[in-house]
Amino acid sequence: MDLELLLDTLGQQGIASVLCEGGHTLAASLLCAKLVDKLELFIAPKMLGDPDAKPLVADLGITQLDQALGFKILRTSRCGPDIRIEMIPTC
């Protein structure tokens, strides 16, 4: 699916904001295409150690820290026991 075309089409129909909630593959696709205006992460005070678990984001093709995607944190807040982080891309 052409995500940029989809978002352009929605914009032409007056839809200016879209919540994209999905897995690591959708997150990577949106980030690689620079289609993310704001990112909201929720961190729970829990930890798993499953070697087969899915990562937060699929392969971005970034292996060096100096190539990492950068974000500016806009605000943090509590949501029950979880922490919510709102941020925007800096590149």
PDB file of N, CA and C in Angstrom:
ATOM      1  N   MET A   1       0.840  -1.172   0.000  1.00  0.00           N
ATOM      2  CA  MET A   1       0.000   0.000   0.000  1.00  0.00           C
ATOM      3  C   MET A   1       0.890   1.241   0.000  1.00  0.00           C
ATOM      4  N   ASP A   2       0.549   2.210  -0.813  1.00  0.00           N
ATOM      5  CA  ASP A   2       1.283   3.472  -0.885  1.00  0.00           C
ATOM      6  C   ASP A   2       0.766   4.388   0.224  1.00  0.00           C
ATOM      7  N   LEU A   3       1.488   4.444   1.337  1.00  0.00           N
ATOM      8  CA  LEU A   3       1.038   5.206   2.499  1.00  0.00           C
ATOM      9  C   LEU A   3       0.986   6.701   2.222  1.00  0.00           C
ATOM     10  N   GLU A   4       1.946   7.213   1.462  1.00  0.00           N
ATOM     11  CA  GLU A   4       1.945   8.642   1.152  1.00  0.00           C
ATOM     12  C   GLU A   4       0.722   9.010   0.319  1.00  0.00           C
ATOM     13  N   LEU A   5       0.396   8.191  -0.667  1.00  0.00           N
ATOM     14  CA  LEU A   5      -0.793   8.429  -1.491  1.00  0.00           C
ATOM     15  C   LEU A   5      -2.054   8.359  -0.635  1.00  0.00           C
ATOM     16  N   LEU A   6      -2.112   7.390   0.258  1.00  0.00           N
ATOM     17  CA  LEU A   6      -3.260   7.258   1.147  1.00  0.00           C
ATOM     18  C   LEU A   6      -3.446   8.518   1.989  1.00  0.00           C
ATOM     19  N   LEU A   7      -2.362   9.009   2.593  1.00  0.00           N
ATOM     20  CA  LEU A   7      -2.460  10.206   3.429  1.00  0.00           C
ATOM     21  C   LEU A   7      -2.794  11.439   2.602  1.00  0.00           C
ATOM     22  N   ASP A   8      -2.246  11.547   1.392  1.00  0.00           N
ATOM     23  CA  ASP A   8      -2.589  12.658   0.494  1.00  0.00           C
ATOM     24  C   ASP A   8      -4.079  12.631   0.152  1.00  0.00           C
ATOM     25  N   THR A   9      -4.597  11.455  -0.154  1.00  0.00           N
ATOM     26  CA  THR A   9      -6.018  11.306  -0.493  1.00  0.00           C
ATOM     27  C   THR A   9      -6.903  11.695   0.689  1.00  0.00           C
ATOM     28  N   LEU A  10      -6.536  11.257   1.874  1.00  0.00           N
ATOM     29  CA  LEU A  10      -7.297  11.632   3.066  1.00  0.00           C
ATOM     30  C   LEU A  10      -7.248  13.139   3.287  1.00  0.00           C
ATOM     31  N   GLY A  11      -6.080  13.745   3.069  1.00  0.00           N
ATOM     32  CA  GLY A  11      -5.940  15.190   3.209  1.00  0.00           C
ATOM     33  C   GLY A  11      -6.832  15.945   2.239  1.00  0.00           C
ATOM     34  N   GLN A  12      -6.940  15.459   1.019  1.00  0.00           N
ATOM     35  CA  GLN A  12      -7.803  16.089   0.017  1.00  0.00           C
ATOM     36  C   GLN A  12      -9.275  15.998   0.411  1.00  0.00           C
ATOM     37  N   GLN A  13      -9.599  15.042   1.252  1.00  0.00           N
ATOM     38  CA  GLN A  13     -10.974  14.884   1.722  1.00  0.00           C
ATOM     39  C   GLN A  13     -11.206  15.611   3.042  1.00  0.00           C
ATOM     40  N   GLY A  14     -10.229  16.431   3.461  1.00  0.00           N
ATOM     41  CA  GLY A  14     -10.378  17.226   4.674  1.00  0.00           C
ATOM     42  C   GLY A  14      -9.981  16.526   5.953  1.00  0.00           C
ATOM     43  N   ILE A  15      -9.392  15.365   5.840  1.00  0.00           N
ATOM     44  CA  ILE A  15      -8.943  14.641   7.035  1.00  0.00           C
ATOM     45  C   ILE A  15      -7.490  15.022   7.284  1.00  0.00           C
ATOM     46  N   ALA A  16      -7.265  15.789   8.354  1.00  0.00           N
ATOM     47  CA  ALA A  16      -5.938  16.343   8.612  1.00  0.00           C
ATOM     48  C   ALA A  16      -5.149  15.573   9.663  1.00  0.00           C
ATOM     49  N   SER A  17      -5.797  14.649  10.337  1.00  0.00           N
ATOM     50  CA  SER A  17      -5.114  13.912  11.394  1.00  0.00           C
ATOM     51  C   SER A  17      -5.520  12.442  11.317  1.00  0.00           C
ATOM     52  N   VAL A  18      -4.524  11.568  11.357  1.00  0.00           N
ATOM     53  CA  VAL A  18      -4.777  10.128  11.276  1.00  0.00           C
ATOM     54  C   VAL A  18      -3.987   9.437  12.383  1.00  0.00           C
ATOM     55  N   LEU A  19      -4.663   8.622  13.165  1.00  0.00           N
ATOM     56  CA  LEU A  19      -3.999   7.806  14.174  1.00  0.00           C
ATOM     57  C   LEU A  19      -3.629   6.481  13.527  1.00  0.00           C
ATOM     58  N   CYS A  20      -2.350   6.195  13.478  1.00  0.00           N
ATOM     59  CA  CYS A  20      -1.867   4.939  12.898  1.00  0.00           C
ATOM     60  C   CYS A  20      -1.389   4.061  14.039  1.00  0.00           C
ATOM     61  N   GLU A  21      -2.223   3.139  14.426  1.00  0.00           N
ATOM     62  CA  GLU A  21      -1.890   2.242  15.523  1.00  0.00           C
ATOM     63  C   GLU A  21      -1.682   0.859  14.933  1.00  0.00           C
ATOM     64  N   GLY A  22      -0.489   0.370  15.046  1.00  0.00           N
ATOM     65  CA  GLY A  22      -0.194  -0.921  14.447  1.00  0.00           C
ATOM     66  C   GLY A  22       1.067  -1.506  15.036  1.00  0.00           C
ATOM     67  N   GLY A  23       1.634  -2.414  14.313  1.00  0.00           N
ATOM     68  CA  GLY A  23       2.816  -3.110  14.790  1.00  0.00           C
ATOM     69  C   GLY A  23       4.110  -2.497  14.307  1.00  0.00           C
ATOM     70  N   HIS A  24       5.169  -3.254  14.488  1.00  0.00           N
ATOM     71  CA  HIS A  24       6.513  -2.771  14.192  1.00  0.00           C
ATOM     72  C   HIS A  24       6.740  -2.518  12.701  1.00  0.00           C
ATOM     73  N   THR A  25       6.057  -3.242  11.837  1.00  0.00           N
ATOM     74  CA  THR A  25       6.239  -3.055  10.394  1.00  0.00           C
ATOM     75  C   THR A  25       5.603  -1.750   9.931  1.00  0.00           C
ATOM     76  N   LEU A  26       4.388  -1.459  10.387  1.00  0.00           N
ATOM     77  CA  LEU A  26       3.734  -0.192  10.037  1.00  0.00           C
ATOM     78  C   LEU A  26       4.541   0.981  10.582  1.00  0.00           C
ATOM     79  N   ALA A  27       5.013   0.873  11.809  1.00  0.00           N
ATOM     80  CA  ALA A  27       5.813   1.949  12.398  1.00  0.00           C
ATOM     81  C   ALA A  27       7.055   2.222  11.559  1.00  0.00           C
ATOM     82  N   ALA A  28       7.755   1.180  11.159  1.00  0.00           N
ATOM     83  CA  ALA A  28       8.963   1.351  10.343  1.00  0.00           C
ATOM     84  C   ALA A  28       8.629   1.964   8.989  1.00  0.00           C
ATOM     85  N   SER A  29       7.551   1.511   8.364  1.00  0.00           N
ATOM     86  CA  SER A  29       7.161   2.043   7.051  1.00  0.00           C
ATOM     87  C   SER A  29       6.864   3.529   7.132  1.00  0.00           C
ATOM     88  N   LEU A  30       6.123   3.944   8.146  1.00  0.00           N
ATOM     89  CA  LEU A  30       5.784   5.361   8.308  1.00  0.00           C
ATOM     90  C   LEU A  30       7.018   6.198   8.621  1.00  0.00           C
ATOM     91  N   LEU A  31       7.884   5.691   9.484  1.00  0.00           N
ATOM     92  CA  LEU A  31       9.100   6.432   9.837  1.00  0.00           C
ATOM     93  C   LEU A  31      10.043   6.551   8.645  1.00  0.00           C
ATOM     94  N   CYS A  32      10.247   5.477   7.907  1.00  0.00           N
ATOM     95  CA  CYS A  32      11.141   5.509   6.742  1.00  0.00           C
ATOM     96  C   CYS A  32      10.628   6.457   5.666  1.00  0.00           C
ATOM     97  N   ALA A  33       9.313   6.550   5.522  1.00  0.00           N
ATOM     98  CA  ALA A  33       8.722   7.428   4.510  1.00  0.00           C
ATOM     99  C   ALA A  33       8.576   8.864   5.013  1.00  0.00           C
ATOM    100  N   LYS A  34       9.028   9.117   6.247  1.00  0.00           N
ATOM    101  CA  LYS A  34       8.923  10.449   6.875  1.00  0.00           C
ATOM    102  C   LYS A  34       7.481  10.944   6.880  1.00  0.00           C
ATOM    103  N   LEU A  35       6.570  10.046   7.233  1.00  0.00           N
ATOM    104  CA  LEU A  35       5.149  10.369   7.293  1.00  0.00           C
ATOM    105  C   LEU A  35       4.650  10.527   8.726  1.00  0.00           C
ATOM    106  N   VAL A  36       5.560  10.578   9.678  1.00  0.00           N
ATOM    107  CA  VAL A  36       5.191  10.721  11.086  1.00  0.00           C
ATOM    108  C   VAL A  36       5.373  12.180  11.499  1.00  0.00           C
ATOM    109  N   ASP A  37       4.266  12.813  11.923  1.00  0.00           N
ATOM    110  CA  ASP A  37       4.323  14.185  12.441  1.00  0.00           C
ATOM    111  C   ASP A  37       4.497  14.193  13.950  1.00  0.00           C
ATOM    112  N   LYS A  38       3.886  13.218  14.612  1.00  0.00           N
ATOM    113  CA  LYS A  38       3.980  13.126  16.065  1.00  0.00           C
ATOM    114  C   LYS A  38       3.959  11.657  16.446  1.00  0.00           C
ATOM    115  N   LEU A  39       4.739  11.318  17.442  1.00  0.00           N
ATOM    116  CA  LEU A  39       4.826   9.941  17.916  1.00  0.00           C
ATOM    117  C   LEU A  39       4.468   9.930  19.395  1.00  0.00           C
ATOM    118  N   GLU A  40       3.596   9.023  19.785  1.00  0.00           N
ATOM    119  CA  GLU A  40       3.245   8.864  21.192  1.00  0.00           C
ATOM    120  C   GLU A  40       3.634   7.455  21.621  1.00  0.00           C
ATOM    121  N   LEU A  41       4.470   7.379  22.619  1.00  0.00           N
ATOM    122  CA  LEU A  41       4.905   6.090  23.159  1.00  0.00           C
ATOM    123  C   LEU A  41       4.374   5.938  24.571  1.00  0.00           C
ATOM    124  N   PHE A  42       3.971   4.743  24.894  1.00  0.00           N
ATOM    125  CA  PHE A  42       3.548   4.428  26.248  1.00  0.00           C
ATOM    126  C   PHE A  42       4.513   3.388  26.798  1.00  0.00           C
ATOM    127  N   ILE A  43       5.050   3.670  27.964  1.00  0.00           N
ATOM    128  CA  ILE A  43       5.995   2.760  28.608  1.00  0.00           C
ATOM    129  C   ILE A  43       5.358   2.245  29.891  1.00  0.00           C
ATOM    130  N   ALA A  44       5.227   0.935  29.982  1.00  0.00           N
ATOM    131  CA  ALA A  44       4.661   0.302  31.173  1.00  0.00           C
ATOM    132  C   ALA A  44       5.804  -0.155  32.076  1.00  0.00           C
ATOM    133  N   PRO A  45       5.583  -0.130  33.377  1.00  0.00           N
ATOM    134  CA  PRO A  45       6.627  -0.577  34.294  1.00  0.00           C
ATOM    135  C   PRO A  45       6.682  -2.104  34.372  1.00  0.00           C
ATOM    136  N   LYS A  46       6.895  -2.714  33.215  1.00  0.00           N
ATOM    137  CA  LYS A  46       6.980  -4.174  33.112  1.00  0.00           C
ATOM    138  C   LYS A  46       8.062  -4.517  32.100  1.00  0.00           C
ATOM    139  N   MET A  47       8.625  -5.692  32.221  1.00  0.00           N
ATOM    140  CA  MET A  47       9.666  -6.103  31.292  1.00  0.00           C
ATOM    141  C   MET A  47       9.509  -7.585  30.965  1.00  0.00           C
ATOM    142  N   LEU A  48       9.634  -7.881  29.677  1.00  0.00           N
ATOM    143  CA  LEU A  48       9.616  -9.263  29.206  1.00  0.00           C
ATOM    144  C   LEU A  48      10.981  -9.591  28.619  1.00  0.00           C
ATOM    145  N   GLY A  49      11.279 -10.840  28.472  1.00  0.00           N
ATOM    146  CA  GLY A  49      12.560 -11.235  27.910  1.00  0.00           C
ATOM    147  C   GLY A  49      12.450 -12.297  26.839  1.00  0.00           C
ATOM    148  N   ASP A  50      11.384 -12.284  26.069  1.00  0.00           N
ATOM    149  CA  ASP A  50      11.154 -13.291  25.033  1.00  0.00           C
ATOM    150  C   ASP A  50      12.030 -13.015  23.812  1.00  0.00           C
ATOM    151  N   PRO A  51      12.939 -13.934  23.439  1.00  0.00           N
ATOM    152  CA  PRO A  51      13.802 -13.687  22.277  1.00  0.00           C
ATOM    153  C   PRO A  51      13.024 -13.645  20.959  1.00  0.00           C
ATOM    154  N   ASP A  52      11.793 -14.137  20.949  1.00  0.00           N
ATOM    155  CA  ASP A  52      10.973 -14.113  19.736  1.00  0.00           C
ATOM    156  C   ASP A  52       9.995 -12.942  19.708  1.00  0.00           C
ATOM    157  N   ALA A  53      10.071 -12.057  20.701  1.00  0.00           N
ATOM    158  CA  ALA A  53       9.150 -10.920  20.764  1.00  0.00           C
ATOM    159  C   ALA A  53       9.401  -9.959  19.608  1.00  0.00           C
ATOM    160  N   LYS A  54       8.356  -9.272  19.188  1.00  0.00           N
ATOM    161  CA  LYS A  54       8.470  -8.279  18.119  1.00  0.00           C
ATOM    162  C   LYS A  54       9.084  -7.002  18.689  1.00  0.00           C
ATOM    163  N   PRO A  55       9.962  -6.342  17.933  1.00  0.00           N
ATOM    164  CA  PRO A  55      10.563  -5.095  18.395  1.00  0.00           C
ATOM    165  C   PRO A  55       9.567  -3.942  18.279  1.00  0.00           C
ATOM    166  N   LEU A  56       9.891  -2.820  18.879  1.00  0.00           N
ATOM    167  CA  LEU A  56       9.056  -1.623  18.781  1.00  0.00           C
ATOM    168  C   LEU A  56       8.912  -1.187  17.331  1.00  0.00           C
ATOM    169  N   VAL A  57      10.022  -1.221  16.593  1.00  0.00           N
ATOM    170  CA  VAL A  57      10.045  -0.807  15.186  1.00  0.00           C
ATOM    171  C   VAL A  57      10.810  -1.871  14.401  1.00  0.00           C
ATOM    172  N   ALA A  58      10.301  -2.205  13.216  1.00  0.00           N
ATOM    173  CA  ALA A  58      10.989  -3.165  12.348  1.00  0.00           C
ATOM    174  C   ALA A  58      12.272  -2.538  11.801  1.00  0.00           C
ATOM    175  N   ASP A  59      12.974  -3.263  10.981  1.00  0.00           N
ATOM    176  CA  ASP A  59      14.265  -2.840  10.435  1.00  0.00           C
ATOM    177  C   ASP A  59      14.160  -1.506   9.700  1.00  0.00           C
ATOM    178  N   LEU A  60      14.898  -0.517  10.192  1.00  0.00           N
ATOM    179  CA  LEU A  60      14.959   0.796   9.546  1.00  0.00           C
ATOM    180  C   LEU A  60      16.193   0.927   8.665  1.00  0.00           C
ATOM    181  N   GLY A  61      17.064  -0.077   8.710  1.00  0.00           N
ATOM    182  CA  GLY A  61      18.296   0.004   7.935  1.00  0.00           C
ATOM    183  C   GLY A  61      19.309   0.964   8.542  1.00  0.00           C
ATOM    184  N   ILE A  62      19.147   1.288   9.809  1.00  0.00           N
ATOM    185  CA  ILE A  62      20.052   2.214  10.500  1.00  0.00           C
ATOM    186  C   ILE A  62      20.889   1.399  11.477  1.00  0.00           C
ATOM    187  N   THR A  63      22.207   1.457  11.306  1.00  0.00           N
ATOM    188  CA  THR A  63      23.088   0.671  12.171  1.00  0.00           C
ATOM    189  C   THR A  63      24.047   1.532  12.984  1.00  0.00           C
ATOM    190  N   GLN A  64      24.151   2.803  12.655  1.00  0.00           N
ATOM    191  CA  GLN A  64      25.078   3.699  13.348  1.00  0.00           C
ATOM    192  C   GLN A  64      24.299   4.726  14.164  1.00  0.00           C
ATOM    193  N   LEU A  65      24.784   5.018  15.361  1.00  0.00           N
ATOM    194  CA  LEU A  65      24.109   5.968  16.239  1.00  0.00           C
ATOM    195  C   LEU A  65      24.001   7.351  15.602  1.00  0.00           C
ATOM    196  N   ASP A  66      25.019   7.752  14.837  1.00  0.00           N
ATOM    197  CA  ASP A  66      24.975   9.081  14.212  1.00  0.00           C
ATOM    198  C   ASP A  66      23.958   9.155  13.067  1.00  0.00           C
ATOM    199  N   GLN A  67      23.371   8.030  12.687  1.00  0.00           N
ATOM    200  CA  GLN A  67      22.322   7.999  11.659  1.00  0.00           C
ATOM    201  C   GLN A  67      20.932   7.811  12.276  1.00  0.00           C
ATOM    202  N   ALA A  68      20.880   7.684  13.586  1.00  0.00           N
ATOM    203  CA  ALA A  68      19.617   7.392  14.273  1.00  0.00           C
ATOM    204  C   ALA A  68      18.587   8.488  14.037  1.00  0.00           C
ATOM    205  N   LEU A  69      17.328   8.096  13.997  1.00  0.00           N
ATOM    206  CA  LEU A  69      16.251   9.067  13.891  1.00  0.00           C
ATOM    207  C   LEU A  69      16.181   9.857  15.189  1.00  0.00           C
ATOM    208  N   GLY A  70      16.062  11.164  15.063  1.00  0.00           N
ATOM    209  CA  GLY A  70      16.003  12.021  16.244  1.00  0.00           C
ATOM    210  C   GLY A  70      14.588  12.516  16.508  1.00  0.00           C
ATOM    211  N   PHE A  71      14.286  12.737  17.774  1.00  0.00           N
ATOM    212  CA  PHE A  71      12.972  13.230  18.177  1.00  0.00           C
ATOM    213  C   PHE A  71      13.128  14.287  19.259  1.00  0.00           C
ATOM    214  N   LYS A  72      12.188  15.226  19.281  1.00  0.00           N
ATOM    215  CA  LYS A  72      12.115  16.229  20.344  1.00  0.00           C
ATOM    216  C   LYS A  72      10.923  15.860  21.217  1.00  0.00           C
ATOM    217  N   ILE A  73      11.167  15.715  22.508  1.00  0.00           N
ATOM    218  CA  ILE A  73      10.086  15.385  23.436  1.00  0.00           C
ATOM    219  C   ILE A  73       9.274  16.643  23.706  1.00  0.00           C
ATOM    220  N   LEU A  74       7.976  16.565  23.434  1.00  0.00           N
ATOM    221  CA  LEU A  74       7.079  17.689  23.677  1.00  0.00           C
ATOM    222  C   LEU A  74       6.558  17.681  25.101  1.00  0.00           C
ATOM    223  N   ARG A  75       6.164  16.498  25.567  1.00  0.00           N
ATOM    224  CA  ARG A  75       5.658  16.398  26.936  1.00  0.00           C
ATOM    225  C   ARG A  75       5.632  14.928  27.361  1.00  0.00           C
ATOM    226  N   THR A  76       5.659  14.776  28.642  1.00  0.00           N
ATOM    227  CA  THR A  76       5.499  13.450  29.235  1.00  0.00           C
ATOM    228  C   THR A  76       4.365  13.543  30.249  1.00  0.00           C
ATOM    229  N   SER A  77       3.679  12.455  30.452  1.00  0.00           N
ATOM    230  CA  SER A  77       2.596  12.438  31.426  1.00  0.00           C
ATOM    231  C   SER A  77       2.394  11.010  31.912  1.00  0.00           C
ATOM    232  N   ARG A  78       1.663  10.892  32.993  1.00  0.00           N
ATOM    233  CA  ARG A  78       1.333   9.573  33.535  1.00  0.00           C
ATOM    234  C   ARG A  78      -0.048   9.175  33.048  1.00  0.00           C
ATOM    235  N   CYS A  79      -0.214   7.921  32.776  1.00  0.00           N
ATOM    236  CA  CYS A  79      -1.503   7.349  32.383  1.00  0.00           C
ATOM    237  C   CYS A  79      -1.654   6.091  33.227  1.00  0.00           C
ATOM    238  N   GLY A  80      -2.202   6.266  34.422  1.00  0.00           N
ATOM    239  CA  GLY A  80      -2.202   5.170  35.388  1.00  0.00           C
ATOM    240  C   GLY A  80      -0.761   4.878  35.759  1.00  0.00           C
ATOM    241  N   PRO A  81      -0.343   3.623  35.734  1.00  0.00           N
ATOM    242  CA  PRO A  81       1.043   3.304  36.072  1.00  0.00           C
ATOM    243  C   PRO A  81       2.015   3.528  34.904  1.00  0.00           C
ATOM    244  N   ASP A  82       1.484   3.797  33.718  1.00  0.00           N
ATOM    245  CA  ASP A  82       2.311   3.947  32.519  1.00  0.00           C
ATOM    246  C   ASP A  82       2.785   5.389  32.336  1.00  0.00           C
ATOM    247  N   ILE A  83       3.815   5.549  31.523  1.00  0.00           N
ATOM    248  CA  ILE A  83       4.320   6.871  31.152  1.00  0.00           C
ATOM    249  C   ILE A  83       4.036   7.084  29.675  1.00  0.00           C
ATOM    250  N   ARG A  84       3.480   8.232  29.352  1.00  0.00           N
ATOM    251  CA  ARG A  84       3.181   8.608  27.964  1.00  0.00           C
ATOM    252  C   ARG A  84       4.195   9.662  27.539  1.00  0.00           C
ATOM    253  N   ILE A  85       4.833   9.441  26.396  1.00  0.00           N
ATOM    254  CA  ILE A  85       5.810  10.385  25.854  1.00  0.00           C
ATOM    255  C   ILE A  85       5.316  10.845  24.488  1.00  0.00           C
ATOM    256  N   GLU A  86       5.120  12.150  24.338  1.00  0.00           N
ATOM    257  CA  GLU A  86       4.724  12.731  23.053  1.00  0.00           C
ATOM    258  C   GLU A  86       5.953  13.403  22.458  1.00  0.00           C
ATOM    259  N   MET A  87       6.264  13.082  21.194  1.00  0.00           N
ATOM    260  CA  MET A  87       7.445  13.664  20.569  1.00  0.00           C
ATOM    261  C   MET A  87       7.242  13.842  19.072  1.00  0.00           C
ATOM    262  N   ILE A  88       8.090  14.692  18.506  1.00  0.00           N
ATOM    263  CA  ILE A  88       8.048  14.954  17.070  1.00  0.00           C
ATOM    264  C   ILE A  88       9.426  14.674  16.477  1.00  0.00           C
ATOM    265  N   PRO A  89       9.458  14.250  15.219  1.00  0.00           N
ATOM    266  CA  PRO A  89      10.753  14.010  14.565  1.00  0.00           C
ATOM    267  C   PRO A  89      11.529  15.319  14.419  1.00  0.00           C
ATOM    268  N   THR A  90      12.837  15.245  14.549  1.00  0.00           N
ATOM    269  CA  THR A  90      13.679  16.436  14.379  1.00  0.00           C
ATOM    270  C   THR A  90      14.359  16.463  13.023  1.00  0.00           C
ATOM    271  N   CYS A  91      14.162  15.443  12.199  1.00  0.00           N
ATOM    272  CA  CYS A  91      14.793  15.443  10.876  1.00  0.00           C
ATOM    273  C   CYS A  91      13.766  15.256   9.788  1.00  0.00           C
TER     274      CYS A  91
END
